[in-house]
N, C-alpha and C. Protein backbone atom coordinates (compact mmCIF):
# COMPACT_ATOMS: atom_id res chain seq x y z
N MET A 1 -48.87 -97.51 51.92
CA MET A 1 -49.35 -96.41 53.21
C MET A 1 -48.95 -94.91 52.49
N ARG A 2 -48.15 -94.94 51.75
CA ARG A 2 -47.53 -93.42 50.93
C ARG A 2 -48.60 -93.33 50.55
N VAL A 3 -49.21 -94.31 49.35
CA VAL A 3 -50.12 -93.65 48.46
C VAL A 3 -51.72 -93.05 49.11
N VAL A 4 -51.41 -93.74 50.08
CA VAL A 4 -52.71 -92.99 51.50
C VAL A 4 -52.53 -91.94 51.75
N SER A 5 -51.51 -91.56 52.58
CA SER A 5 -51.02 -90.28 52.65
C SER A 5 -51.07 -89.12 51.82
N GLN A 6 -50.70 -89.35 50.69
CA GLN A 6 -50.66 -88.32 49.67
C GLN A 6 -51.72 -88.37 49.40
N ARG A 7 -53.23 -89.31 48.83
CA ARG A 7 -54.17 -88.59 48.75
C ARG A 7 -55.16 -88.17 49.74
N CYS A 8 -54.65 -88.32 51.09
CA CYS A 8 -55.57 -87.66 52.08
C CYS A 8 -55.04 -85.97 52.48
N GLU A 9 -53.38 -85.76 51.72
CA GLU A 9 -52.78 -84.70 51.78
C GLU A 9 -53.52 -83.76 50.37
N ARG A 10 -53.49 -84.38 49.75
CA ARG A 10 -54.77 -83.67 48.40
C ARG A 10 -55.72 -83.19 48.67
N ILE A 11 -56.69 -84.21 48.98
CA ILE A 11 -57.83 -83.94 49.53
C ILE A 11 -57.44 -82.33 50.93
N ARG A 12 -56.88 -83.18 51.34
CA ARG A 12 -57.06 -81.44 52.48
C ARG A 12 -56.66 -80.60 51.66
N ARG A 13 -55.73 -80.17 51.29
CA ARG A 13 -55.45 -79.10 50.48
C ARG A 13 -56.52 -78.71 49.65
N ASP A 14 -57.41 -79.61 48.98
CA ASP A 14 -58.69 -78.99 48.34
C ASP A 14 -59.79 -78.61 49.15
N GLU A 15 -59.65 -79.10 50.42
CA GLU A 15 -60.81 -78.72 51.22
C GLU A 15 -60.49 -77.35 52.25
N ARG A 16 -59.77 -76.52 51.57
CA ARG A 16 -58.89 -75.59 52.83
C ARG A 16 -60.39 -74.55 52.37
N GLY A 17 -61.07 -74.27 51.51
CA GLY A 17 -62.17 -73.34 51.69
C GLY A 17 -61.08 -72.20 50.22
N LEU A 18 -62.34 -70.94 51.33
CA LEU A 18 -62.29 -69.89 50.80
C LEU A 18 -60.45 -69.42 50.59
N GLY A 19 -59.73 -68.68 50.11
CA GLY A 19 -58.70 -68.01 50.50
C GLY A 19 -58.81 -66.24 50.49
N LEU A 20 -58.29 -65.62 51.05
CA LEU A 20 -58.52 -64.02 51.48
C LEU A 20 -58.60 -63.03 49.88
N ILE A 21 -57.84 -63.89 49.03
CA ILE A 21 -57.91 -63.22 47.48
C ILE A 21 -59.70 -63.19 46.92
N GLU A 22 -59.83 -64.87 47.14
CA GLU A 22 -61.28 -65.16 46.70
C GLU A 22 -61.99 -63.80 47.32
N ILE A 23 -62.25 -64.12 48.57
CA ILE A 23 -62.99 -63.13 49.49
C ILE A 23 -62.85 -61.68 49.18
N ALA A 24 -61.92 -61.26 48.99
CA ALA A 24 -61.53 -59.91 49.04
C ALA A 24 -62.25 -59.26 47.64
N ILE A 25 -61.86 -60.46 46.62
CA ILE A 25 -63.10 -60.04 45.15
C ILE A 25 -64.67 -59.79 44.99
N THR A 26 -64.85 -61.18 46.29
CA THR A 26 -66.11 -60.66 46.38
C THR A 26 -66.84 -60.29 46.79
N LEU A 27 -66.15 -59.38 47.78
CA LEU A 27 -66.29 -58.20 48.44
C LEU A 27 -66.54 -57.12 47.41
N VAL A 28 -65.54 -56.78 46.64
CA VAL A 28 -65.34 -55.52 46.09
C VAL A 28 -66.22 -55.93 45.20
N VAL A 29 -66.79 -56.63 44.29
CA VAL A 29 -67.67 -57.03 43.69
C VAL A 29 -69.36 -56.86 43.83
N VAL A 30 -69.53 -57.67 45.42
CA VAL A 30 -70.94 -56.42 46.19
C VAL A 30 -70.65 -55.34 46.50
N ALA A 31 -69.69 -54.61 46.89
CA ALA A 31 -69.41 -52.86 47.10
C ALA A 31 -69.81 -52.42 45.62
N ILE A 32 -69.34 -52.95 44.44
CA ILE A 32 -69.41 -52.29 43.21
C ILE A 32 -70.98 -52.74 42.85
N VAL A 33 -71.58 -53.72 42.63
CA VAL A 33 -73.25 -53.64 42.50
C VAL A 33 -73.93 -52.67 43.58
N GLY A 34 -73.06 -53.02 44.70
CA GLY A 34 -74.25 -52.40 45.28
C GLY A 34 -74.08 -50.73 45.65
N THR A 35 -73.37 -50.21 44.78
CA THR A 35 -72.96 -48.68 44.87
C THR A 35 -73.86 -48.21 43.27
N VAL A 36 -73.59 -49.17 42.03
CA VAL A 36 -74.55 -48.66 41.31
C VAL A 36 -75.88 -48.83 41.15
N LEU A 37 -76.24 -49.91 42.14
CA LEU A 37 -77.95 -50.28 42.93
C LEU A 37 -78.42 -49.02 43.40
N TYR A 38 -77.47 -48.60 44.26
CA TYR A 38 -78.09 -47.48 44.95
C TYR A 38 -78.06 -45.96 43.85
N ALA A 39 -76.97 -45.79 43.20
CA ALA A 39 -76.41 -44.69 42.73
C ALA A 39 -78.27 -44.48 41.33
N TYR A 40 -78.83 -45.49 41.17
CA TYR A 40 -79.78 -45.99 40.33
C TYR A 40 -81.07 -45.78 40.71
N VAL A 41 -81.16 -45.93 42.22
CA VAL A 41 -82.45 -45.83 42.85
C VAL A 41 -82.42 -44.55 43.07
N ALA A 42 -81.72 -43.70 43.79
CA ALA A 42 -81.40 -42.23 43.96
C ALA A 42 -81.84 -41.53 43.11
N SER A 43 -80.96 -41.97 41.87
CA SER A 43 -81.64 -41.16 40.21
C SER A 43 -82.97 -41.35 40.29
N THR A 44 -83.38 -42.16 40.58
CA THR A 44 -84.89 -42.58 40.01
C THR A 44 -85.88 -41.92 41.07
N GLY A 45 -85.39 -41.45 42.40
CA GLY A 45 -86.02 -40.70 43.52
C GLY A 45 -86.00 -39.44 42.99
N ARG A 46 -85.00 -38.97 42.50
CA ARG A 46 -85.06 -37.51 42.04
C ARG A 46 -85.69 -36.88 40.97
N THR A 47 -86.06 -37.93 40.11
CA THR A 47 -86.34 -37.83 38.81
C THR A 47 -88.26 -37.53 39.07
N LEU A 48 -88.65 -39.06 39.79
CA LEU A 48 -89.38 -38.70 40.16
C LEU A 48 -90.42 -37.74 40.83
N GLU A 49 -89.29 -37.16 41.37
CA GLU A 49 -89.46 -35.78 42.55
C GLU A 49 -89.46 -34.51 41.77
N ALA A 50 -88.63 -34.44 40.33
CA ALA A 50 -88.53 -33.66 39.78
C ALA A 50 -90.01 -33.09 38.67
N ILE A 51 -90.33 -34.63 38.28
CA ILE A 51 -91.93 -34.83 37.78
C ILE A 51 -92.77 -34.06 38.87
N ARG A 52 -92.58 -34.21 39.82
CA ARG A 52 -94.05 -34.21 40.97
C ARG A 52 -93.74 -32.66 40.67
N GLN A 53 -92.95 -31.99 41.09
CA GLN A 53 -92.68 -30.75 41.30
C GLN A 53 -92.62 -29.65 40.00
N GLU A 54 -92.93 -30.93 38.33
CA GLU A 54 -92.75 -29.36 36.90
C GLU A 54 -94.61 -29.98 37.13
N ARG A 55 -95.22 -30.76 37.21
CA ARG A 55 -96.47 -30.63 36.71
C ARG A 55 -97.10 -29.26 36.83
N PRO A 56 -97.25 -29.21 38.44
CA PRO A 56 -98.08 -28.26 38.79
C PRO A 56 -97.21 -26.66 38.27
N LEU A 57 -95.87 -26.36 38.09
CA LEU A 57 -95.24 -25.48 37.11
C LEU A 57 -95.80 -25.69 36.06
N SER A 58 -96.06 -26.90 34.94
CA SER A 58 -96.22 -26.61 33.40
C SER A 58 -97.82 -26.01 33.35
N GLN A 59 -98.44 -26.51 34.23
CA GLN A 59 -99.93 -25.86 34.66
C GLN A 59 -100.27 -24.47 34.41
N ALA A 60 -98.73 -24.10 35.52
CA ALA A 60 -98.86 -22.39 35.89
C ALA A 60 -98.54 -21.56 34.24
N ARG A 61 -97.80 -22.42 34.17
CA ARG A 61 -97.07 -22.02 32.58
C ARG A 61 -98.01 -21.59 31.21
N LEU A 62 -99.03 -22.74 31.32
CA LEU A 62 -99.83 -22.74 30.60
C LEU A 62 -100.82 -21.39 30.97
N THR A 63 -100.94 -21.48 32.28
CA THR A 63 -102.03 -20.45 32.60
C THR A 63 -101.49 -19.06 32.21
N ALA A 64 -100.29 -19.09 32.39
CA ALA A 64 -99.63 -17.39 32.21
C ALA A 64 -99.75 -17.46 30.41
N ASP A 65 -99.31 -18.58 29.62
CA ASP A 65 -99.55 -18.40 28.09
C ASP A 65 -101.30 -17.82 27.72
N ARG A 66 -102.26 -18.50 28.66
CA ARG A 66 -103.57 -18.48 28.52
C ARG A 66 -103.93 -16.67 28.21
N ALA A 67 -103.66 -16.13 29.94
CA ALA A 67 -103.66 -15.07 30.14
C ALA A 67 -102.89 -14.24 28.96
N THR A 68 -101.49 -14.35 28.30
CA THR A 68 -101.51 -13.75 27.36
C THR A 68 -102.02 -13.48 26.24
N LEU A 69 -102.48 -14.97 25.45
CA LEU A 69 -103.19 -14.80 24.85
C LEU A 69 -104.47 -14.08 25.06
N THR A 70 -105.47 -14.05 26.25
CA THR A 70 -106.36 -12.87 26.52
C THR A 70 -106.02 -11.61 26.20
N ALA A 71 -105.01 -11.07 26.57
CA ALA A 71 -104.75 -9.76 26.34
C ALA A 71 -103.69 -9.27 24.79
N ILE A 72 -103.51 -10.43 24.14
CA ILE A 72 -103.65 -10.11 22.59
C ILE A 72 -104.75 -10.11 21.95
N ARG A 73 -105.82 -10.99 22.19
CA ARG A 73 -107.45 -10.83 21.92
C ARG A 73 -108.20 -9.37 22.14
N SER A 74 -107.53 -9.11 23.47
CA SER A 74 -108.34 -7.66 23.88
C SER A 74 -107.90 -6.23 22.94
N ALA A 75 -106.12 -6.65 22.44
CA ALA A 75 -105.84 -5.58 22.02
C ALA A 75 -106.51 -5.53 20.26
N LEU A 76 -106.30 -6.80 19.87
CA LEU A 76 -107.43 -7.04 18.45
C LEU A 76 -108.20 -6.34 18.60
N GLN A 77 -109.18 -6.73 19.53
CA GLN A 77 -110.46 -5.89 19.89
C GLN A 77 -110.46 -4.04 19.96
N ILE A 78 -109.53 -4.28 20.28
CA ILE A 78 -109.32 -2.48 20.42
C ILE A 78 -109.04 -2.11 18.72
N TYR A 79 -108.40 -2.89 18.12
CA TYR A 79 -107.88 -2.23 16.94
C TYR A 79 -109.23 -2.50 16.05
N TYR A 80 -109.80 -3.55 16.11
CA TYR A 80 -110.97 -3.80 15.19
C TYR A 80 -112.23 -2.56 15.39
N SER A 81 -112.33 -2.41 16.45
CA SER A 81 -113.08 -1.20 16.77
C SER A 81 -112.44 0.61 16.52
N GLN A 82 -111.65 0.21 16.55
CA GLN A 82 -110.72 1.52 15.86
C GLN A 82 -110.78 2.01 14.31
N HIS A 83 -110.14 0.36 13.58
CA HIS A 83 -110.29 0.40 11.78
C HIS A 83 -111.12 -0.08 11.77
N GLY A 84 -112.23 -0.70 12.08
CA GLY A 84 -113.33 -1.53 11.08
C GLY A 84 -112.76 -3.01 10.72
N GLN A 85 -111.86 -3.50 10.80
CA GLN A 85 -111.19 -4.64 10.10
C GLN A 85 -110.35 -5.21 11.15
N TRP A 86 -109.81 -6.47 11.08
CA TRP A 86 -108.83 -7.30 11.82
C TRP A 86 -107.31 -6.70 10.87
N PRO A 87 -106.30 -6.61 11.58
CA PRO A 87 -105.18 -6.62 11.44
C PRO A 87 -104.87 -7.24 10.58
N PRO A 88 -103.85 -7.26 9.00
CA PRO A 88 -103.77 -7.40 8.40
C PRO A 88 -102.88 -8.86 8.47
N THR A 89 -101.74 -8.79 9.07
CA THR A 89 -100.82 -9.82 9.73
C THR A 89 -100.39 -9.58 10.56
N LYS A 90 -99.66 -11.17 11.35
CA LYS A 90 -99.21 -11.42 12.40
C LYS A 90 -98.01 -10.39 13.02
N GLU A 91 -97.50 -9.48 12.18
CA GLU A 91 -96.57 -8.76 12.47
C GLU A 91 -97.12 -7.62 12.95
N THR A 92 -98.18 -7.04 12.34
CA THR A 92 -99.28 -5.82 12.62
C THR A 92 -99.62 -6.35 14.29
N VAL A 93 -100.11 -7.32 14.22
CA VAL A 93 -100.27 -7.93 15.44
C VAL A 93 -99.43 -7.35 16.85
N ALA A 94 -98.46 -8.19 16.68
CA ALA A 94 -97.33 -7.90 17.36
C ALA A 94 -96.84 -6.37 17.35
N THR A 95 -96.81 -5.27 16.65
CA THR A 95 -96.47 -4.40 16.76
C THR A 95 -97.75 -3.37 17.87
N LEU A 96 -98.74 -4.23 18.17
CA LEU A 96 -100.43 -3.66 18.48
C LEU A 96 -99.42 -3.73 20.30
N LEU A 97 -98.53 -4.88 20.74
CA LEU A 97 -98.64 -5.45 21.96
C LEU A 97 -97.04 -4.45 22.28
N ASN A 98 -97.39 -3.88 23.68
CA ASN A 98 -96.15 -3.40 24.08
C ASN A 98 -95.92 -4.06 25.83
N PRO A 99 -95.15 -4.82 26.05
CA PRO A 99 -94.13 -5.33 25.34
C PRO A 99 -94.23 -6.54 24.42
N PRO A 100 -93.61 -6.86 23.77
CA PRO A 100 -94.18 -7.99 22.61
C PRO A 100 -94.49 -9.24 23.62
N PRO A 101 -95.17 -10.50 23.13
CA PRO A 101 -95.95 -11.13 24.12
C PRO A 101 -94.69 -11.99 24.44
N SER A 102 -94.38 -12.57 25.62
CA SER A 102 -93.30 -13.95 26.05
C SER A 102 -94.55 -14.70 26.76
N PHE A 103 -94.13 -15.75 25.92
CA PHE A 103 -94.63 -17.09 26.60
C PHE A 103 -93.93 -18.29 27.49
N GLN A 104 -94.59 -18.66 28.25
CA GLN A 104 -93.85 -19.12 29.64
C GLN A 104 -93.96 -20.30 29.22
N CYS A 105 -94.03 -21.43 28.24
CA CYS A 105 -94.17 -23.12 27.80
C CYS A 105 -93.19 -22.65 26.42
N GLY A 106 -92.31 -23.35 26.84
CA GLY A 106 -90.88 -23.46 25.66
C GLY A 106 -91.67 -24.06 24.42
N GLY A 107 -91.36 -22.85 23.27
CA GLY A 107 -91.94 -23.05 22.24
C GLY A 107 -92.96 -22.58 21.81
N ASN A 108 -93.65 -22.19 22.83
CA ASN A 108 -95.02 -21.19 22.67
C ASN A 108 -95.24 -20.51 21.44
N ASP A 109 -95.90 -20.26 20.85
CA ASP A 109 -96.23 -19.10 20.23
C ASP A 109 -97.71 -18.87 19.85
N TYR A 110 -98.46 -18.01 18.81
CA TYR A 110 -99.68 -17.89 19.31
C TYR A 110 -100.05 -17.57 17.57
N ALA A 111 -100.89 -18.62 17.10
CA ALA A 111 -101.78 -18.40 15.53
C ALA A 111 -102.31 -17.03 15.85
N TYR A 112 -102.47 -16.70 14.62
CA TYR A 112 -103.07 -15.55 13.76
C TYR A 112 -103.96 -15.73 12.63
N ASP A 113 -105.33 -15.45 12.49
CA ASP A 113 -105.94 -15.76 11.31
C ASP A 113 -106.54 -14.26 11.41
N PRO A 114 -106.00 -13.67 10.24
CA PRO A 114 -106.48 -12.08 9.72
C PRO A 114 -107.89 -12.18 9.28
N ALA A 115 -108.48 -13.49 8.51
CA ALA A 115 -109.85 -13.14 8.13
C ALA A 115 -110.70 -12.95 9.11
N SER A 116 -110.76 -13.76 10.47
CA SER A 116 -111.47 -13.62 11.15
C SER A 116 -110.81 -12.84 12.82
N GLY A 117 -109.22 -12.82 12.75
CA GLY A 117 -109.10 -12.45 13.98
C GLY A 117 -108.88 -12.92 15.21
N GLN A 118 -108.86 -14.36 15.18
CA GLN A 118 -109.14 -15.33 15.56
C GLN A 118 -107.70 -15.55 16.05
N VAL A 119 -107.22 -15.83 17.14
CA VAL A 119 -105.72 -16.31 17.69
C VAL A 119 -106.31 -17.53 19.39
N SER A 120 -105.01 -18.18 18.72
CA SER A 120 -104.63 -19.50 19.58
C SER A 120 -103.19 -19.92 19.71
N LEU A 121 -102.97 -20.39 21.06
CA LEU A 121 -101.78 -20.85 20.84
C LEU A 121 -101.86 -22.20 20.27
N VAL A 122 -99.93 -22.08 19.75
CA VAL A 122 -99.70 -23.07 19.34
C VAL A 122 -99.77 -24.50 19.84
N VAL A 123 -99.26 -24.04 21.62
CA VAL A 123 -99.29 -25.19 22.53
C VAL A 123 -100.34 -25.11 23.62
N ASP A 124 -101.04 -25.94 23.89
CA ASP A 124 -102.10 -25.68 24.32
C ASP A 124 -102.63 -26.78 25.27
N ASP A 125 -101.27 -27.48 26.08
CA ASP A 125 -101.51 -28.63 26.91
C ASP A 125 -100.47 -28.62 27.74
N ALA A 126 -100.88 -28.75 29.01
CA ALA A 126 -100.25 -28.88 29.43
C ALA A 126 -99.14 -29.91 30.03
N ALA A 127 -99.32 -31.08 29.50
CA ALA A 127 -98.12 -31.86 29.23
C ALA A 127 -97.28 -31.44 28.48
N SER A 128 -97.06 -30.85 27.60
CA SER A 128 -96.40 -30.62 26.17
C SER A 128 -95.75 -29.32 26.64
N CYS A 129 -96.38 -28.68 27.74
CA CYS A 129 -95.38 -27.37 28.32
C CYS A 129 -94.57 -27.89 29.39
């Protein structure tokens, strides 16, 4: 009888279920995972919003750079009509412009060909702007 009661007692101890510590650890792990997941979703939302806002701005910057290029072309035409030749260097072109050209796209500049007087933008793509 004693053996049977010991077995019953051992079974009762094993069937007690989860203790307070196990439940607390589980809640802490779930809270940490939830916090990380919430931060990730919020960050993704902010990134998408920034991309949506940046697209029209990049197109506007490129349009402003193209307008600057048109002003450079006008200055080159005036120089050509006065001197009968194109400016010999890009530095000479820069002296024609007051103030010097300021491009809106990061890292943008203009390329100048002294033989033909052609100017073009280095970055002429809104996606790269």
